[in-house]
Amino acid sequence: MEDIVVYTDGGCHGNPGPGGWGIVVIADGVAKQLSGGEKFTTNNKMELTAAIAALSVIKNTPSFAGRKVVVNIDSQYVKNGITTWIHSWKKKGWITADKKPVKNQELWIQLDNLNSSMEVTWNWVKGHAGVEYNEICDQLCQSEIAKYE
């Protein structure tokens, strides 16, 4: 079975400010686009929400069960958080290395639960660098932001 390939992006105008996220889930020759937004949010929340939305689509699509997932994301925050930092956060009771509570803990828990339920590889891609599906995600994100401005 082919891997499911995902691209995600999230952002906002002002931080905090109106925000949006966009995803493209590519499977079986089809590239499905989804997006959403919020009136008042942060860049990091939108990046996390995009990743959660993408993995939720996969988890809730029966024909995708058991398939490997490759997530292409332009957020070092989300990539490093889910692949590295989260292990320490959980061990320390959701406290960061500088002894502060982890921001967006509820979103990290959702993402961790989804990530742990499937085989996911996380790849960082440079944003605004001409990567076709990353650019589509950015356009989706900007369209959502515009709804709240």
C-alpha atoms as a PDB file:
ATOM      1  CA  MET A   1       0.000   0.000   0.000  1.00  0.00           C
ATOM      2  CA  GLU A   2       1.170   3.492  -0.806  1.00  0.00           C
ATOM      3  CA  ASP A   3       1.937   5.922   1.987  1.00  0.00           C
ATOM      4  CA  ILE A   4      -0.544   8.697   2.651  1.00  0.00           C
ATOM      5  CA  VAL A   5       1.198  12.032   2.094  1.00  0.00           C
ATOM      6  CA  VAL A   6       0.098  15.131   3.972  1.00  0.00           C
ATOM      7  CA  TYR A   7       1.010  18.808   3.767  1.00  0.00           C
ATOM      8  CA  THR A   8      -0.057  21.269   6.457  1.00  0.00           C
ATOM      9  CA  ASP A   9       0.218  24.969   7.197  1.00  0.00           C
ATOM     10  CA  GLY A  10      -1.169  27.354   9.752  1.00  0.00           C
ATOM     11  CA  GLY A  11      -0.739  30.996  10.590  1.00  0.00           C
ATOM     12  CA  CYS A  12      -2.330  34.247  11.568  1.00  0.00           C
ATOM     13  CA  HIS A  13      -2.166  37.968  10.896  1.00  0.00           C
ATOM     14  CA  GLY A  14      -0.854  39.435  14.084  1.00  0.00           C
ATOM     15  CA  ASN A  15       0.182  36.938  16.720  1.00  0.00           C
ATOM     16  CA  PRO A  16      -2.361  36.650  18.220  1.00  0.00           C
ATOM     17  CA  GLY A  17      -4.887  37.643  15.603  1.00  0.00           C
ATOM     18  CA  PRO A  18      -7.211  36.153  13.005  1.00  0.00           C
ATOM     19  CA  GLY A  19      -5.868  32.750  12.000  1.00  0.00           C
ATOM     20  CA  GLY A  20      -6.256  29.941   9.543  1.00  0.00           C
ATOM     21  CA  TRP A  21      -4.970  26.515   8.646  1.00  0.00           C
ATOM     22  CA  GLY A  22      -4.888  24.433   5.503  1.00  0.00           C
ATOM     23  CA  ILE A  23      -4.101  20.804   4.722  1.00  0.00           C
ATOM     24  CA  VAL A  24      -3.738  18.605   1.678  1.00  0.00           C
ATOM     25  CA  VAL A  25      -4.109  14.834   2.181  1.00  0.00           C
ATOM     26  CA  ILE A  26      -2.860  12.849  -0.809  1.00  0.00           C
ATOM     27  CA  ALA A  27      -3.933   9.217  -1.093  1.00  0.00           C
ATOM     28  CA  ASP A  28      -4.895   6.880  -3.897  1.00  0.00           C
ATOM     29  CA  GLY A  29      -4.281   9.531  -6.542  1.00  0.00           C
ATOM     30  CA  VAL A  30      -6.555  12.115  -4.891  1.00  0.00           C
ATOM     31  CA  ALA A  31      -5.398  15.328  -3.188  1.00  0.00           C
ATOM     32  CA  LYS A  32      -8.100  16.405  -0.722  1.00  0.00           C
ATOM     33  CA  GLN A  33      -7.920  19.987   0.560  1.00  0.00           C
ATOM     34  CA  LEU A  34      -9.411  21.151   3.864  1.00  0.00           C
ATOM     35  CA  SER A  35      -9.131  24.365   5.841  1.00  0.00           C
ATOM     36  CA  GLY A  36     -10.490  26.252   8.813  1.00  0.00           C
ATOM     37  CA  GLY A  37      -9.818  29.266  10.961  1.00  0.00           C
ATOM     38  CA  GLU A  38     -10.491  31.241  14.102  1.00  0.00           C
ATOM     39  CA  LYS A  39     -11.168  34.900  14.800  1.00  0.00           C
ATOM     40  CA  PHE A  40      -8.463  35.239  17.464  1.00  0.00           C
ATOM     41  CA  THR A  41      -5.621  32.740  17.782  1.00  0.00           C
ATOM     42  CA  THR A  42      -1.858  32.232  17.446  1.00  0.00           C
ATOM     43  CA  ASN A  43       0.439  30.915  14.739  1.00  0.00           C
ATOM     44  CA  ASN A  44       1.403  27.918  16.866  1.00  0.00           C
ATOM     45  CA  LYS A  45      -2.217  26.983  17.588  1.00  0.00           C
ATOM     46  CA  MET A  46      -3.036  27.082  13.889  1.00  0.00           C
ATOM     47  CA  GLU A  47       0.018  24.973  12.981  1.00  0.00           C
ATOM     48  CA  LEU A  48      -1.001  22.392  15.604  1.00  0.00           C
ATOM     49  CA  THR A  49      -4.642  22.489  14.499  1.00  0.00           C
ATOM     50  CA  ALA A  50      -3.605  21.808  10.899  1.00  0.00           C
ATOM     51  CA  ALA A  51      -1.602  18.734  11.931  1.00  0.00           C
ATOM     52  CA  ILE A  52      -4.464  17.494  14.141  1.00  0.00           C
ATOM     53  CA  ALA A  53      -6.976  17.985  11.318  1.00  0.00           C
ATOM     54  CA  ALA A  54      -4.810  16.047   8.861  1.00  0.00           C
ATOM     55  CA  LEU A  55      -4.246  13.078  11.163  1.00  0.00           C
ATOM     56  CA  SER A  56      -7.934  13.119  12.164  1.00  0.00           C
ATOM     57  CA  VAL A  57      -8.990  12.811   8.520  1.00  0.00           C
ATOM     58  CA  ILE A  58      -6.686   9.827   8.125  1.00  0.00           C
ATOM     59  CA  LYS A  59      -7.806   8.167  11.356  1.00  0.00           C
ATOM     60  CA  ASN A  60     -11.475   8.616  10.430  1.00  0.00           C
ATOM     61  CA  THR A  61     -11.133   7.220   6.895  1.00  0.00           C
ATOM     62  CA  PRO A  62     -11.532   3.427   7.140  1.00  0.00           C
ATOM     63  CA  SER A  63      -9.706   2.721   3.866  1.00  0.00           C
ATOM     64  CA  PHE A  64      -6.606   4.470   5.275  1.00  0.00           C
ATOM     65  CA  ALA A  65      -6.326   2.128   8.284  1.00  0.00           C
ATOM     66  CA  GLY A  66      -2.866   0.646   8.770  1.00  0.00           C
ATOM     67  CA  ARG A  67      -1.184   2.800   6.135  1.00  0.00           C
ATOM     68  CA  LYS A  68       1.999   4.762   6.775  1.00  0.00           C
ATOM     69  CA  VAL A  69       1.673   8.526   6.861  1.00  0.00           C
ATOM     70  CA  VAL A  70       4.237  11.119   5.781  1.00  0.00           C
ATOM     71  CA  VAL A  71       3.533  14.602   7.126  1.00  0.00           C
ATOM     72  CA  ASN A  72       5.286  17.510   5.406  1.00  0.00           C
ATOM     73  CA  ILE A  73       5.135  20.550   7.655  1.00  0.00           C
ATOM     74  CA  ASP A  74       6.831  23.941   7.580  1.00  0.00           C
ATOM     75  CA  SER A  75       6.618  24.389  11.364  1.00  0.00           C
ATOM     76  CA  GLN A  76       9.768  23.427  13.261  1.00  0.00           C
ATOM     77  CA  TYR A  77       7.715  24.005  16.434  1.00  0.00           C
ATOM     78  CA  VAL A  78       5.259  21.208  15.600  1.00  0.00           C
ATOM     79  CA  LYS A  79       7.813  18.859  14.033  1.00  0.00           C
ATOM     80  CA  ASN A  80      10.283  19.135  16.916  1.00  0.00           C
ATOM     81  CA  GLY A  81       7.502  19.139  19.493  1.00  0.00           C
ATOM     82  CA  ILE A  82       5.878  15.912  18.332  1.00  0.00           C
ATOM     83  CA  THR A  83       9.101  14.037  17.511  1.00  0.00           C
ATOM     84  CA  THR A  84      11.410  15.172  20.330  1.00  0.00           C
ATOM     85  CA  TRP A  85      10.200  17.575  22.998  1.00  0.00           C
ATOM     86  CA  ILE A  86       6.935  15.786  23.824  1.00  0.00           C
ATOM     87  CA  HIS A  87       8.722  12.842  25.456  1.00  0.00           C
ATOM     88  CA  SER A  88      10.354  15.132  28.014  1.00  0.00           C
ATOM     89  CA  TRP A  89       7.177  17.175  28.510  1.00  0.00           C
ATOM     90  CA  LYS A  90       5.180  14.070  29.364  1.00  0.00           C
ATOM     91  CA  LYS A  91       7.873  12.747  31.727  1.00  0.00           C
ATOM     92  CA  LYS A  92       7.988  16.106  33.532  1.00  0.00           C
ATOM     93  CA  GLY A  93       4.207  16.485  33.810  1.00  0.00           C
ATOM     94  CA  TRP A  94       3.869  18.888  30.869  1.00  0.00           C
ATOM     95  CA  ILE A  95       6.577  21.241  32.097  1.00  0.00           C
ATOM     96  CA  THR A  96       9.171  22.692  29.709  1.00  0.00           C
ATOM     97  CA  ALA A  97      12.934  22.656  30.133  1.00  0.00           C
ATOM     98  CA  ASP A  98      12.703  26.188  31.587  1.00  0.00           C
ATOM     99  CA  LYS A  99      10.191  24.966  34.210  1.00  0.00           C
ATOM    100  CA  LYS A 100       7.091  26.545  32.660  1.00  0.00           C
ATOM    101  CA  PRO A 101       3.834  24.834  31.670  1.00  0.00           C
ATOM    102  CA  VAL A 102       3.773  23.656  28.053  1.00  0.00           C
ATOM    103  CA  LYS A 103       1.730  26.081  25.961  1.00  0.00           C
ATOM    104  CA  ASN A 104      -1.132  24.556  23.962  1.00  0.00           C
ATOM    105  CA  GLN A 105      -1.028  21.379  26.067  1.00  0.00           C
ATOM    106  CA  GLU A 106      -4.557  20.341  25.062  1.00  0.00           C
ATOM    107  CA  LEU A 107      -3.595  20.495  21.383  1.00  0.00           C
ATOM    108  CA  TRP A 108      -0.335  18.609  22.003  1.00  0.00           C
ATOM    109  CA  ILE A 109      -2.264  15.856  23.779  1.00  0.00           C
ATOM    110  CA  GLN A 110      -4.672  15.538  20.829  1.00  0.00           C
ATOM    111  CA  LEU A 111      -1.791  15.436  18.355  1.00  0.00           C
ATOM    112  CA  ASP A 112       0.151  12.929  20.448  1.00  0.00           C
ATOM    113  CA  ASN A 113      -2.871  10.613  20.686  1.00  0.00           C
ATOM    114  CA  LEU A 114      -3.349  10.686  16.916  1.00  0.00           C
ATOM    115  CA  ASN A 115       0.367  10.371  16.178  1.00  0.00           C
ATOM    116  CA  SER A 116       0.700   7.423  18.546  1.00  0.00           C
ATOM    117  CA  SER A 117      -2.192   5.592  16.888  1.00  0.00           C
ATOM    118  CA  MET A 118      -0.520   5.385  13.473  1.00  0.00           C
ATOM    119  CA  GLU A 119       2.885   5.153  11.825  1.00  0.00           C
ATOM    120  CA  VAL A 120       3.840   8.748  11.035  1.00  0.00           C
ATOM    121  CA  THR A 121       7.028  10.222   9.612  1.00  0.00           C
ATOM    122  CA  TRP A 122       7.425  13.963  10.108  1.00  0.00           C
ATOM    123  CA  ASN A 123       9.357  15.954   7.479  1.00  0.00           C
ATOM    124  CA  TRP A 124      10.138  19.647   7.698  1.00  0.00           C
ATOM    125  CA  VAL A 125       9.748  21.584   4.452  1.00  0.00           C
ATOM    126  CA  LYS A 126      10.781  25.181   3.935  1.00  0.00           C
ATOM    127  CA  GLY A 127       7.756  27.446   3.756  1.00  0.00           C
ATOM    128  CA  HIS A 128       7.277  29.908   0.895  1.00  0.00           C
ATOM    129  CA  ALA A 129       9.887  28.056  -1.153  1.00  0.00           C
ATOM    130  CA  GLY A 130       7.791  26.879  -4.079  1.00  0.00           C
ATOM    131  CA  VAL A 131       6.864  23.436  -2.678  1.00  0.00           C
ATOM    132  CA  GLU A 132       3.586  22.932  -4.574  1.00  0.00           C
ATOM    133  CA  TYR A 133       1.350  21.470  -1.878  1.00  0.00           C
ATOM    134  CA  ASN A 134       2.874  23.619   0.877  1.00  0.00           C
ATOM    135  CA  GLU A 135       2.000  26.663  -1.235  1.00  0.00           C
ATOM    136  CA  ILE A 136      -1.566  25.362  -1.629  1.00  0.00           C
ATOM    137  CA  CYS A 137      -1.802  24.957   2.152  1.00  0.00           C
ATOM    138  CA  ASP A 138      -0.571  28.522   2.602  1.00  0.00           C
ATOM    139  CA  GLN A 139      -3.223  29.782   0.146  1.00  0.00           C
ATOM    140  CA  LEU A 140      -5.926  27.870   2.046  1.00  0.00           C
ATOM    141  CA  CYS A 141      -4.642  29.352   5.303  1.00  0.00           C
ATOM    142  CA  GLN A 142      -4.628  32.906   3.926  1.00  0.00           C
ATOM    143  CA  SER A 143      -8.171  32.485   2.572  1.00  0.00           C
ATOM    144  CA  GLU A 144      -9.365  31.447   6.022  1.00  0.00           C
ATOM    145  CA  ILE A 145      -7.600  34.386   7.697  1.00  0.00           C
ATOM    146  CA  ALA A 146      -9.275  36.772   5.242  1.00  0.00           C
ATOM    147  CA  LYS A 147     -12.703  35.594   6.455  1.00  0.00           C
ATOM    148  CA  TYR A 148     -11.956  37.043   9.912  1.00  0.00           C
ATOM    149  CA  GLU A 149     -10.302  40.312   8.906  1.00  0.00           C
END
